[in-house]
Amino acid sequence: MRKNKIIIAVAVLSFAAFAIAAYAAEPGSTGDPIALKSYVDSKISELEARLGGAGGAGGSARPDASAGSSDIAKRVDELSAAVDRLTEENASLRRSVRQLSLVSRTDADGVADRFEAIEVYAEQRIILGAGAEMVLRTGAALAIRGELGPIIDLITGADLDAGAEIPQNHILLSSRDDNRGVKITENAWVLLKGAYTIR
């Protein structure tokens, strides 16, 4: 009987201690997981007051969402413009690197043994060395006369004097190294064999 009284006393004391701890706990904490609506509303009000204070005296309690959206849109526009600019610069650098690295493939005697496909761009000039051959595959070009004569169209047997349109898929020959060649007027692919320079 005495043992039962002790057990009941311990249970009552434990319940009392739990009730006191729960009452003393902060609403919404692990000690008191149930938060009343009034408590949540008060916390929201405190947060709004802090945000309003951070915005400066006389500011509204809520941040200006439209101003934030405007700033984000402006930043996105700036970054898009930067990406476009860098893309164009990259393309320009690639063209420059390609120009600087363009050399005809040659064998041990310094004479090219096969045609090489090269992409060239409008306003560039291809100056052919003596014995060099060229085929315009796509795009458009005009003939450049050398100091001692024009380039030769081996398909028709005609001389292509200064300003003559270069026909596609015709083999052109430069008989001398005197700055004769072609000026590209529309981005093109050409086949080149022998010594040449792209300017």
N, C-alpha and C. Protein backbone atom coordinates (compact mmCIF):
# COMPACT_ATOMS: atom_id res chain seq x y z
N MET A 1 0.83 -1.19 0.00
CA MET A 1 0.00 0.00 0.00
C MET A 1 0.87 1.25 0.00
N ARG A 2 1.88 1.21 0.84
CA ARG A 2 2.80 2.34 0.94
C ARG A 2 3.53 2.54 -0.38
N LYS A 3 3.85 1.44 -1.01
CA LYS A 3 4.55 1.49 -2.30
C LYS A 3 3.69 2.18 -3.36
N ASN A 4 2.40 1.91 -3.38
CA ASN A 4 1.49 2.54 -4.33
C ASN A 4 1.39 4.04 -4.08
N LYS A 5 1.38 4.45 -2.84
CA LYS A 5 1.34 5.87 -2.52
C LYS A 5 2.58 6.59 -3.04
N ILE A 6 3.72 5.91 -2.89
CA ILE A 6 4.98 6.51 -3.36
C ILE A 6 4.94 6.68 -4.87
N ILE A 7 4.47 5.67 -5.58
CA ILE A 7 4.39 5.72 -7.05
C ILE A 7 3.46 6.84 -7.48
N ILE A 8 2.30 6.98 -6.79
CA ILE A 8 1.34 8.03 -7.14
C ILE A 8 1.96 9.40 -6.88
N ALA A 9 2.68 9.55 -5.78
CA ALA A 9 3.31 10.83 -5.44
C ALA A 9 4.34 11.22 -6.49
N VAL A 10 5.15 10.24 -6.90
CA VAL A 10 6.17 10.50 -7.92
C VAL A 10 5.50 10.91 -9.23
N ALA A 11 4.42 10.26 -9.62
CA ALA A 11 3.71 10.58 -10.86
C ALA A 11 3.15 11.99 -10.81
N VAL A 12 2.54 12.36 -9.63
CA VAL A 12 1.97 13.71 -9.49
C VAL A 12 3.06 14.75 -9.59
N LEU A 13 4.21 14.52 -8.94
CA LEU A 13 5.32 15.47 -8.99
C LEU A 13 5.87 15.59 -10.42
N SER A 14 5.97 14.47 -11.13
CA SER A 14 6.47 14.50 -12.52
C SER A 14 5.53 15.29 -13.41
N PHE A 15 4.23 15.08 -13.25
CA PHE A 15 3.24 15.81 -14.06
C PHE A 15 3.31 17.30 -13.77
N ALA A 16 3.46 17.63 -12.49
CA ALA A 16 3.55 19.04 -12.11
C ALA A 16 4.78 19.69 -12.72
N ALA A 17 5.91 18.97 -12.66
CA ALA A 17 7.16 19.52 -13.25
C ALA A 17 7.00 19.72 -14.75
N PHE A 18 6.39 18.78 -15.45
CA PHE A 18 6.17 18.89 -16.91
C PHE A 18 5.26 20.08 -17.24
N ALA A 19 4.20 20.26 -16.43
CA ALA A 19 3.26 21.35 -16.66
C ALA A 19 3.95 22.70 -16.47
N ILE A 20 4.81 22.79 -15.43
CA ILE A 20 5.53 24.05 -15.18
C ILE A 20 6.48 24.34 -16.32
N ALA A 21 7.21 23.31 -16.80
CA ALA A 21 8.15 23.49 -17.91
C ALA A 21 7.42 23.92 -19.18
N ALA A 22 6.27 23.29 -19.44
CA ALA A 22 5.49 23.64 -20.63
C ALA A 22 4.97 25.06 -20.55
N TYR A 23 4.56 25.48 -19.37
CA TYR A 23 4.03 26.83 -19.20
C TYR A 23 5.13 27.87 -19.38
N ALA A 24 6.34 27.52 -18.89
CA ALA A 24 7.46 28.46 -18.96
C ALA A 24 8.09 28.49 -20.35
N ALA A 25 7.84 27.48 -21.18
CA ALA A 25 8.49 27.40 -22.50
C ALA A 25 7.94 28.46 -23.43
N GLU A 26 8.79 28.89 -24.38
CA GLU A 26 8.41 29.87 -25.42
C GLU A 26 7.41 29.22 -26.36
N PRO A 27 6.29 29.90 -26.66
CA PRO A 27 5.32 29.32 -27.61
C PRO A 27 5.98 29.05 -28.96
N GLY A 28 5.71 27.93 -29.52
CA GLY A 28 6.30 27.56 -30.81
C GLY A 28 7.64 26.86 -30.68
N SER A 29 8.20 26.76 -29.44
CA SER A 29 9.48 26.07 -29.25
C SER A 29 9.23 24.59 -29.08
N THR A 30 10.31 23.82 -28.94
CA THR A 30 10.15 22.38 -28.76
C THR A 30 9.47 22.07 -27.44
N GLY A 31 9.63 22.97 -26.45
CA GLY A 31 8.96 22.77 -25.17
C GLY A 31 7.48 23.03 -25.25
N ASP A 32 7.08 23.92 -26.18
CA ASP A 32 5.67 24.24 -26.38
C ASP A 32 5.42 24.35 -27.88
N PRO A 33 5.24 23.23 -28.55
CA PRO A 33 5.15 23.25 -30.00
C PRO A 33 3.88 23.88 -30.55
N ILE A 34 2.88 24.14 -29.70
CA ILE A 34 1.63 24.72 -30.19
C ILE A 34 1.72 26.23 -30.01
N ALA A 35 1.68 26.98 -31.13
CA ALA A 35 1.74 28.44 -31.08
C ALA A 35 0.36 28.99 -31.41
N LEU A 36 -0.12 29.92 -30.57
CA LEU A 36 -1.41 30.53 -30.82
C LEU A 36 -1.30 31.53 -31.96
N LYS A 37 -2.42 31.80 -32.62
CA LYS A 37 -2.45 32.74 -33.75
C LYS A 37 -1.99 34.12 -33.31
N SER A 38 -2.39 34.53 -32.09
CA SER A 38 -1.98 35.85 -31.60
C SER A 38 -0.46 35.95 -31.49
N TYR A 39 0.18 34.85 -31.08
CA TYR A 39 1.64 34.85 -30.97
C TYR A 39 2.28 34.98 -32.35
N VAL A 40 1.76 34.22 -33.34
CA VAL A 40 2.30 34.29 -34.70
C VAL A 40 2.11 35.68 -35.27
N ASP A 41 0.92 36.28 -35.05
CA ASP A 41 0.67 37.64 -35.53
C ASP A 41 1.63 38.64 -34.92
N SER A 42 1.93 38.47 -33.62
CA SER A 42 2.85 39.41 -32.96
C SER A 42 4.25 39.30 -33.54
N LYS A 43 4.68 38.08 -33.86
CA LYS A 43 6.00 37.88 -34.46
C LYS A 43 6.06 38.49 -35.86
N ILE A 44 4.98 38.35 -36.63
CA ILE A 44 4.92 38.95 -37.97
C ILE A 44 5.01 40.46 -37.87
N SER A 45 4.30 41.03 -36.89
CA SER A 45 4.33 42.48 -36.68
C SER A 45 5.74 42.95 -36.33
N GLU A 46 6.44 42.20 -35.47
CA GLU A 46 7.82 42.54 -35.11
C GLU A 46 8.72 42.51 -36.35
N LEU A 47 8.55 41.49 -37.17
CA LEU A 47 9.36 41.36 -38.38
C LEU A 47 9.10 42.51 -39.35
N GLU A 48 7.83 42.88 -39.51
CA GLU A 48 7.49 44.00 -40.39
C GLU A 48 8.08 45.30 -39.86
N ALA A 49 8.06 45.47 -38.55
CA ALA A 49 8.64 46.67 -37.94
C ALA A 49 10.14 46.74 -38.20
N ARG A 50 10.80 45.60 -38.08
CA ARG A 50 12.25 45.56 -38.34
C ARG A 50 12.55 45.90 -39.80
N LEU A 51 11.78 45.30 -40.72
CA LEU A 51 12.00 45.58 -42.14
C LEU A 51 11.73 47.05 -42.45
N GLY A 52 10.69 47.61 -41.84
CA GLY A 52 10.39 49.02 -42.05
C GLY A 52 11.50 49.90 -41.50
N GLY A 53 12.05 49.54 -40.35
CA GLY A 53 13.15 50.31 -39.77
C GLY A 53 14.41 50.23 -40.61
N ALA A 54 14.66 49.06 -41.20
CA ALA A 54 15.85 48.90 -42.05
C ALA A 54 15.74 49.74 -43.29
N GLY A 55 14.50 50.04 -43.75
CA GLY A 55 14.30 50.83 -44.96
C GLY A 55 14.47 52.31 -44.72
N GLY A 56 14.66 52.75 -43.45
CA GLY A 56 14.84 54.17 -43.18
C GLY A 56 13.60 54.76 -42.57
N ALA A 57 13.75 55.94 -41.95
CA ALA A 57 12.63 56.61 -41.30
C ALA A 57 11.57 56.96 -42.32
N GLY A 58 10.35 56.80 -41.90
CA GLY A 58 9.24 57.15 -42.77
C GLY A 58 8.95 56.10 -43.81
N GLY A 59 9.71 54.98 -43.84
CA GLY A 59 9.47 53.94 -44.83
C GLY A 59 8.29 53.10 -44.45
N SER A 60 7.73 52.41 -45.40
CA SER A 60 6.60 51.54 -45.12
C SER A 60 7.07 50.30 -44.40
N ALA A 61 6.17 49.61 -43.77
CA ALA A 61 6.54 48.41 -43.03
C ALA A 61 6.97 47.30 -43.96
N ARG A 62 6.44 47.26 -45.18
CA ARG A 62 6.77 46.19 -46.12
C ARG A 62 7.78 46.70 -47.15
N PRO A 63 8.77 45.83 -47.57
CA PRO A 63 9.73 46.25 -48.58
C PRO A 63 9.04 46.51 -49.90
N ASP A 64 9.63 47.41 -50.71
CA ASP A 64 9.06 47.76 -52.01
C ASP A 64 9.42 46.66 -53.01
N ALA A 65 8.48 45.76 -53.28
CA ALA A 65 8.73 44.62 -54.17
C ALA A 65 8.99 45.07 -55.59
N SER A 66 8.29 46.14 -56.03
CA SER A 66 8.47 46.59 -57.42
C SER A 66 9.87 47.14 -57.62
N ALA A 67 10.42 47.84 -56.60
CA ALA A 67 11.79 48.36 -56.73
C ALA A 67 12.78 47.21 -56.84
N GLY A 68 12.57 46.15 -56.04
CA GLY A 68 13.47 44.99 -56.11
C GLY A 68 13.41 44.32 -57.47
N SER A 69 12.20 44.18 -58.01
CA SER A 69 12.04 43.56 -59.33
C SER A 69 12.71 44.40 -60.40
N SER A 70 12.59 45.72 -60.27
CA SER A 70 13.23 46.63 -61.24
C SER A 70 14.74 46.48 -61.22
N ASP A 71 15.30 46.40 -60.00
CA ASP A 71 16.76 46.23 -59.87
C ASP A 71 17.21 44.91 -60.49
N ILE A 72 16.45 43.85 -60.25
CA ILE A 72 16.81 42.53 -60.80
C ILE A 72 16.74 42.56 -62.32
N ALA A 73 15.67 43.16 -62.86
CA ALA A 73 15.53 43.22 -64.32
C ALA A 73 16.67 44.02 -64.95
N LYS A 74 17.06 45.12 -64.28
CA LYS A 74 18.16 45.94 -64.79
C LYS A 74 19.46 45.14 -64.79
N ARG A 75 19.69 44.39 -63.72
CA ARG A 75 20.91 43.59 -63.62
C ARG A 75 20.93 42.48 -64.68
N VAL A 76 19.77 41.86 -64.92
CA VAL A 76 19.68 40.82 -65.96
C VAL A 76 20.00 41.40 -67.33
N ASP A 77 19.47 42.61 -67.61
CA ASP A 77 19.75 43.28 -68.89
C ASP A 77 21.24 43.56 -69.04
N GLU A 78 21.88 44.04 -67.95
CA GLU A 78 23.31 44.33 -68.00
C GLU A 78 24.12 43.06 -68.27
N LEU A 79 23.74 41.97 -67.60
CA LEU A 79 24.47 40.71 -67.79
C LEU A 79 24.24 40.15 -69.20
N SER A 80 23.03 40.30 -69.73
CA SER A 80 22.75 39.83 -71.09
C SER A 80 23.59 40.61 -72.10
N ALA A 81 23.69 41.93 -71.91
CA ALA A 81 24.51 42.75 -72.81
C ALA A 81 25.98 42.34 -72.72
N ALA A 82 26.43 42.04 -71.51
CA ALA A 82 27.83 41.62 -71.33
C ALA A 82 28.09 40.29 -72.02
N VAL A 83 27.13 39.36 -71.93
CA VAL A 83 27.28 38.06 -72.59
C VAL A 83 27.34 38.24 -74.10
N ASP A 84 26.47 39.10 -74.66
CA ASP A 84 26.47 39.36 -76.10
C ASP A 84 27.81 39.95 -76.53
N ARG A 85 28.31 40.91 -75.74
CA ARG A 85 29.58 41.55 -76.08
C ARG A 85 30.73 40.54 -76.05
N LEU A 86 30.75 39.71 -75.01
CA LEU A 86 31.83 38.71 -74.89
C LEU A 86 31.74 37.66 -76.00
N THR A 87 30.51 37.31 -76.41
CA THR A 87 30.35 36.35 -77.51
C THR A 87 30.93 36.91 -78.80
N GLU A 88 30.64 38.19 -79.07
CA GLU A 88 31.17 38.83 -80.28
C GLU A 88 32.68 38.94 -80.21
N GLU A 89 33.22 39.31 -79.04
CA GLU A 89 34.67 39.41 -78.89
C GLU A 89 35.33 38.05 -79.09
N ASN A 90 34.68 37.00 -78.57
CA ASN A 90 35.22 35.65 -78.73
C ASN A 90 35.27 35.25 -80.20
N ALA A 91 34.18 35.55 -80.94
CA ALA A 91 34.16 35.23 -82.37
C ALA A 91 35.24 36.00 -83.11
N SER A 92 35.42 37.28 -82.74
CA SER A 92 36.45 38.10 -83.38
C SER A 92 37.84 37.55 -83.09
N LEU A 93 38.07 37.16 -81.83
CA LEU A 93 39.37 36.59 -81.46
C LEU A 93 39.63 35.28 -82.19
N ARG A 94 38.59 34.47 -82.32
CA ARG A 94 38.77 33.20 -83.03
C ARG A 94 39.14 33.44 -84.49
N ARG A 95 38.49 34.46 -85.12
CA ARG A 95 38.85 34.78 -86.50
C ARG A 95 40.30 35.25 -86.59
N SER A 96 40.71 36.09 -85.61
CA SER A 96 42.08 36.60 -85.61
C SER A 96 43.09 35.48 -85.43
N VAL A 97 42.80 34.57 -84.50
CA VAL A 97 43.71 33.44 -84.26
C VAL A 97 43.80 32.57 -85.51
N ARG A 98 42.64 32.36 -86.14
CA ARG A 98 42.64 31.54 -87.37
C ARG A 98 43.48 32.20 -88.46
N GLN A 99 43.35 33.52 -88.58
CA GLN A 99 44.13 34.23 -89.59
C GLN A 99 45.62 34.09 -89.31
N LEU A 100 45.99 34.27 -88.04
CA LEU A 100 47.41 34.22 -87.69
C LEU A 100 47.99 32.82 -87.87
N SER A 101 47.14 31.81 -87.72
CA SER A 101 47.65 30.43 -87.80
C SER A 101 47.54 29.84 -89.19
N LEU A 102 46.95 30.58 -90.16
CA LEU A 102 46.77 30.01 -91.50
C LEU A 102 48.09 29.92 -92.24
N VAL A 103 48.51 28.74 -92.50
CA VAL A 103 49.69 28.49 -93.34
C VAL A 103 49.36 27.28 -94.19
N SER A 104 49.84 27.27 -95.41
CA SER A 104 49.57 26.11 -96.26
C SER A 104 50.41 24.94 -95.81
N ARG A 105 49.84 23.73 -95.93
CA ARG A 105 50.60 22.52 -95.60
C ARG A 105 51.56 22.23 -96.74
N THR A 106 52.79 21.98 -96.41
CA THR A 106 53.80 21.74 -97.44
C THR A 106 54.56 20.46 -97.16
N ASP A 107 55.14 19.93 -98.19
CA ASP A 107 56.00 18.76 -98.01
C ASP A 107 57.43 19.22 -97.74
N ALA A 108 58.37 18.32 -97.77
CA ALA A 108 59.75 18.64 -97.42
C ALA A 108 60.35 19.67 -98.37
N ASP A 109 59.88 19.76 -99.59
CA ASP A 109 60.43 20.71 -100.56
C ASP A 109 59.75 22.07 -100.48
N GLY A 110 58.80 22.25 -99.56
CA GLY A 110 58.13 23.53 -99.42
C GLY A 110 56.98 23.73 -100.39
N VAL A 111 56.51 22.69 -101.08
CA VAL A 111 55.40 22.79 -102.01
C VAL A 111 54.23 21.99 -101.46
N ALA A 112 53.05 22.61 -101.38
CA ALA A 112 51.87 21.92 -100.85
C ALA A 112 51.54 20.71 -101.69
N ASP A 113 51.20 19.60 -101.05
CA ASP A 113 50.92 18.37 -101.79
C ASP A 113 49.42 18.09 -101.94
N ARG A 114 48.57 18.92 -101.36
CA ARG A 114 47.13 18.68 -101.48
C ARG A 114 46.37 19.97 -101.17
N PHE A 115 45.10 20.00 -101.60
CA PHE A 115 44.26 21.15 -101.30
C PHE A 115 43.87 21.14 -99.82
N GLU A 116 43.72 22.34 -99.29
CA GLU A 116 43.31 22.50 -97.90
C GLU A 116 42.06 23.38 -97.88
N ALA A 117 41.03 22.94 -97.15
CA ALA A 117 39.79 23.72 -97.04
C ALA A 117 39.96 24.79 -95.98
N ILE A 118 39.69 26.05 -96.36
CA ILE A 118 39.86 27.19 -95.46
C ILE A 118 38.59 28.04 -95.49
N GLU A 119 38.15 28.48 -94.31
CA GLU A 119 37.03 29.42 -94.25
C GLU A 119 37.59 30.83 -94.21
N VAL A 120 37.09 31.70 -95.09
CA VAL A 120 37.54 33.10 -95.13
C VAL A 120 36.31 34.00 -95.04
N TYR A 121 36.56 35.26 -94.68
CA TYR A 121 35.46 36.17 -94.38
C TYR A 121 35.48 37.39 -95.30
N ALA A 122 34.33 38.00 -95.43
CA ALA A 122 34.19 39.18 -96.30
C ALA A 122 35.26 40.22 -95.95
N GLU A 123 35.81 40.84 -96.99
CA GLU A 123 36.85 41.87 -96.90
C GLU A 123 38.25 41.29 -96.72
N GLN A 124 38.39 40.00 -96.55
CA GLN A 124 39.74 39.42 -96.49
C GLN A 124 40.27 39.22 -97.90
N ARG A 125 41.60 39.19 -98.01
CA ARG A 125 42.26 38.97 -99.30
C ARG A 125 43.13 37.73 -99.22
N ILE A 126 43.07 36.94 -100.27
CA ILE A 126 43.95 35.77 -100.37
C ILE A 126 44.98 36.09 -101.45
N ILE A 127 46.23 36.21 -101.04
CA ILE A 127 47.32 36.49 -101.98
C ILE A 127 48.02 35.18 -102.27
N LEU A 128 48.06 34.82 -103.55
CA LEU A 128 48.60 33.52 -103.96
C LEU A 128 50.07 33.65 -104.37
N GLY A 129 50.85 32.66 -103.95
CA GLY A 129 52.25 32.62 -104.37
C GLY A 129 52.38 31.98 -105.75
N ALA A 130 53.59 31.95 -106.28
CA ALA A 130 53.83 31.37 -107.60
C ALA A 130 53.47 29.89 -107.59
N GLY A 131 52.64 29.48 -108.56
CA GLY A 131 52.24 28.08 -108.68
C GLY A 131 51.11 27.66 -107.77
N ALA A 132 50.59 28.59 -106.94
CA ALA A 132 49.50 28.25 -106.02
C ALA A 132 48.19 28.09 -106.79
N GLU A 133 47.31 27.21 -106.28
CA GLU A 133 46.00 26.98 -106.89
C GLU A 133 44.91 27.24 -105.86
N MET A 134 43.75 27.66 -106.37
CA MET A 134 42.64 27.96 -105.49
C MET A 134 41.32 27.59 -106.17
N VAL A 135 40.37 27.11 -105.36
CA VAL A 135 39.01 26.83 -105.82
C VAL A 135 38.05 27.51 -104.85
N LEU A 136 37.17 28.36 -105.38
CA LEU A 136 36.12 28.97 -104.57
C LEU A 136 34.95 28.00 -104.49
N ARG A 137 34.66 27.49 -103.29
CA ARG A 137 33.58 26.50 -103.14
C ARG A 137 32.25 27.17 -102.79
N THR A 138 32.26 28.13 -101.88
CA THR A 138 31.04 28.86 -101.53
C THR A 138 31.39 30.33 -101.36
N GLY A 139 30.36 31.18 -101.31
CA GLY A 139 30.60 32.60 -101.13
C GLY A 139 30.90 33.30 -102.44
N ALA A 140 31.52 34.47 -102.36
CA ALA A 140 31.82 35.25 -103.56
C ALA A 140 33.15 35.96 -103.39
N ALA A 141 33.81 36.23 -104.53
CA ALA A 141 35.12 36.89 -104.50
C ALA A 141 35.37 37.58 -105.84
N LEU A 142 36.28 38.55 -105.81
CA LEU A 142 36.71 39.27 -107.00
C LEU A 142 38.21 39.07 -107.20
N ALA A 143 38.64 39.09 -108.45
CA ALA A 143 40.05 38.88 -108.77
C ALA A 143 40.88 40.10 -108.41
N ILE A 144 42.10 39.85 -107.94
CA ILE A 144 43.09 40.90 -107.71
C ILE A 144 44.23 40.67 -108.72
N ARG A 145 44.50 41.68 -109.54
CA ARG A 145 45.58 41.58 -110.52
C ARG A 145 46.92 41.77 -109.83
N GLY A 146 47.89 40.99 -110.24
CA GLY A 146 49.24 41.15 -109.71
C GLY A 146 50.01 42.22 -110.47
N GLU A 147 51.23 42.49 -110.01
CA GLU A 147 52.05 43.50 -110.68
C GLU A 147 52.44 43.07 -112.09
N LEU A 148 52.50 41.76 -112.32
CA LEU A 148 52.94 41.27 -113.63
C LEU A 148 51.82 40.57 -114.41
N GLY A 149 50.60 40.56 -113.87
CA GLY A 149 49.51 39.94 -114.61
C GLY A 149 48.42 39.40 -113.71
N PRO A 150 47.35 38.84 -114.33
CA PRO A 150 46.20 38.35 -113.56
C PRO A 150 46.34 36.87 -113.20
N ILE A 151 45.36 36.39 -112.42
CA ILE A 151 45.29 34.95 -112.16
C ILE A 151 44.59 34.29 -113.34
N ILE A 152 44.78 32.98 -113.47
CA ILE A 152 44.27 32.24 -114.64
C ILE A 152 43.18 31.28 -114.19
N ASP A 153 42.07 31.27 -114.92
CA ASP A 153 41.00 30.29 -114.72
C ASP A 153 41.35 29.08 -115.58
N LEU A 154 41.79 27.98 -114.95
CA LEU A 154 42.22 26.80 -115.71
C LEU A 154 41.06 26.06 -116.36
N ILE A 155 39.83 26.30 -115.91
CA ILE A 155 38.68 25.62 -116.50
C ILE A 155 38.32 26.26 -117.84
N THR A 156 38.30 27.60 -117.89
CA THR A 156 37.93 28.29 -119.13
C THR A 156 39.16 28.73 -119.93
N GLY A 157 40.32 28.74 -119.28
CA GLY A 157 41.53 29.22 -119.93
C GLY A 157 41.62 30.73 -120.00
N ALA A 158 40.74 31.44 -119.29
CA ALA A 158 40.71 32.91 -119.37
C ALA A 158 41.52 33.53 -118.24
N ASP A 159 42.06 34.74 -118.52
CA ASP A 159 42.68 35.55 -117.48
C ASP A 159 41.58 36.28 -116.72
N LEU A 160 41.67 36.28 -115.40
CA LEU A 160 40.70 37.00 -114.58
C LEU A 160 41.36 38.28 -114.10
N ASP A 161 41.05 39.36 -114.78
CA ASP A 161 41.68 40.64 -114.49
C ASP A 161 41.08 41.26 -113.23
N ALA A 162 41.62 42.39 -112.82
CA ALA A 162 41.20 43.05 -111.58
C ALA A 162 39.69 43.29 -111.57
N GLY A 163 39.02 42.86 -110.50
CA GLY A 163 37.60 43.09 -110.33
C GLY A 163 36.71 42.05 -110.96
N ALA A 164 37.29 41.08 -111.70
CA ALA A 164 36.47 40.03 -112.31
C ALA A 164 35.89 39.12 -111.23
N GLU A 165 34.63 38.71 -111.41
CA GLU A 165 34.01 37.79 -110.44
C GLU A 165 34.63 36.41 -110.57
N ILE A 166 34.90 35.82 -109.42
CA ILE A 166 35.50 34.48 -109.40
C ILE A 166 34.37 33.45 -109.47
N PRO A 167 34.37 32.57 -110.48
CA PRO A 167 33.33 31.55 -110.55
C PRO A 167 33.58 30.44 -109.52
N GLN A 168 32.51 29.91 -108.99
CA GLN A 168 32.66 28.80 -108.03
C GLN A 168 33.08 27.53 -108.75
N ASN A 169 33.86 26.73 -108.03
CA ASN A 169 34.30 25.39 -108.48
C ASN A 169 35.20 25.42 -109.71
N HIS A 170 35.84 26.57 -110.00
CA HIS A 170 36.86 26.64 -111.05
C HIS A 170 38.24 26.65 -110.40
N ILE A 171 39.19 25.97 -111.00
CA ILE A 171 40.55 25.96 -110.48
C ILE A 171 41.26 27.21 -111.00
N LEU A 172 41.78 28.00 -110.07
CA LEU A 172 42.51 29.21 -110.42
C LEU A 172 44.00 28.98 -110.17
N LEU A 173 44.83 29.58 -111.00
CA LEU A 173 46.28 29.40 -110.88
C LEU A 173 46.95 30.76 -110.84
N SER A 174 47.91 30.88 -109.93
CA SER A 174 48.75 32.08 -109.90
C SER A 174 50.11 31.67 -110.47
N SER A 175 50.49 32.28 -111.59
CA SER A 175 51.75 31.89 -112.24
C SER A 175 52.97 32.55 -111.61
N ARG A 176 52.76 33.65 -110.89
CA ARG A 176 53.89 34.37 -110.30
C ARG A 176 53.56 34.82 -108.88
N ASP A 177 54.61 35.15 -108.18
CA ASP A 177 54.47 35.66 -106.81
C ASP A 177 54.56 37.18 -106.87
N ASP A 178 53.45 37.82 -107.28
CA ASP A 178 53.45 39.28 -107.48
C ASP A 178 52.20 39.93 -106.90
N ASN A 179 51.69 39.37 -105.78
CA ASN A 179 50.53 39.91 -105.07
C ASN A 179 49.21 39.73 -105.81
N ARG A 180 49.12 38.76 -106.71
CA ARG A 180 47.84 38.49 -107.33
C ARG A 180 47.05 37.53 -106.44
N GLY A 181 45.73 37.58 -106.57
CA GLY A 181 44.89 36.71 -105.74
C GLY A 181 43.43 37.09 -105.85
N VAL A 182 42.70 37.00 -104.73
CA VAL A 182 41.27 37.32 -104.74
C VAL A 182 40.91 38.10 -103.48
N LYS A 183 39.84 38.91 -103.62
CA LYS A 183 39.26 39.61 -102.47
C LYS A 183 37.90 38.99 -102.20
N ILE A 184 37.70 38.53 -100.97
CA ILE A 184 36.44 37.89 -100.58
C ILE A 184 35.39 38.97 -100.35
N THR A 185 34.27 38.85 -101.02
CA THR A 185 33.18 39.82 -100.85
C THR A 185 32.01 39.25 -100.05
N GLU A 186 32.01 37.94 -99.85
CA GLU A 186 30.97 37.27 -99.06
C GLU A 186 31.62 36.07 -98.40
N ASN A 187 31.37 35.87 -97.11
CA ASN A 187 32.01 34.77 -96.38
C ASN A 187 32.03 33.51 -97.24
N ALA A 188 33.17 32.84 -97.24
CA ALA A 188 33.35 31.76 -98.21
C ALA A 188 34.21 30.64 -97.65
N TRP A 189 34.11 29.49 -98.33
CA TRP A 189 35.04 28.39 -98.14
C TRP A 189 35.82 28.24 -99.44
N VAL A 190 37.12 28.09 -99.31
CA VAL A 190 37.96 27.93 -100.50
C VAL A 190 38.87 26.72 -100.30
N LEU A 191 39.32 26.15 -101.40
CA LEU A 191 40.35 25.12 -101.38
C LEU A 191 41.64 25.78 -101.86
N LEU A 192 42.71 25.59 -101.10
CA LEU A 192 43.99 26.21 -101.44
C LEU A 192 45.09 25.17 -101.48
N LYS A 193 45.96 25.32 -102.45
CA LYS A 193 47.14 24.45 -102.54
C LYS A 193 48.32 25.31 -102.96
N GLY A 194 49.42 25.19 -102.27
CA GLY A 194 50.59 26.00 -102.56
C GLY A 194 50.73 27.13 -101.56
N ALA A 195 51.64 28.06 -101.85
CA ALA A 195 51.90 29.17 -100.93
C ALA A 195 50.81 30.23 -101.05
N TYR A 196 50.34 30.73 -99.92
CA TYR A 196 49.33 31.78 -99.92
C TYR A 196 49.40 32.56 -98.62
N THR A 197 48.83 33.73 -98.63
CA THR A 197 48.73 34.57 -97.43
C THR A 197 47.32 35.11 -97.36
N ILE A 198 46.72 35.10 -96.18
CA ILE A 198 45.39 35.69 -95.99
C ILE A 198 45.56 36.95 -95.17
N ARG A 199 45.07 38.04 -95.72
CA ARG A 199 45.20 39.34 -95.04
C ARG A 199 43.82 39.91 -94.69
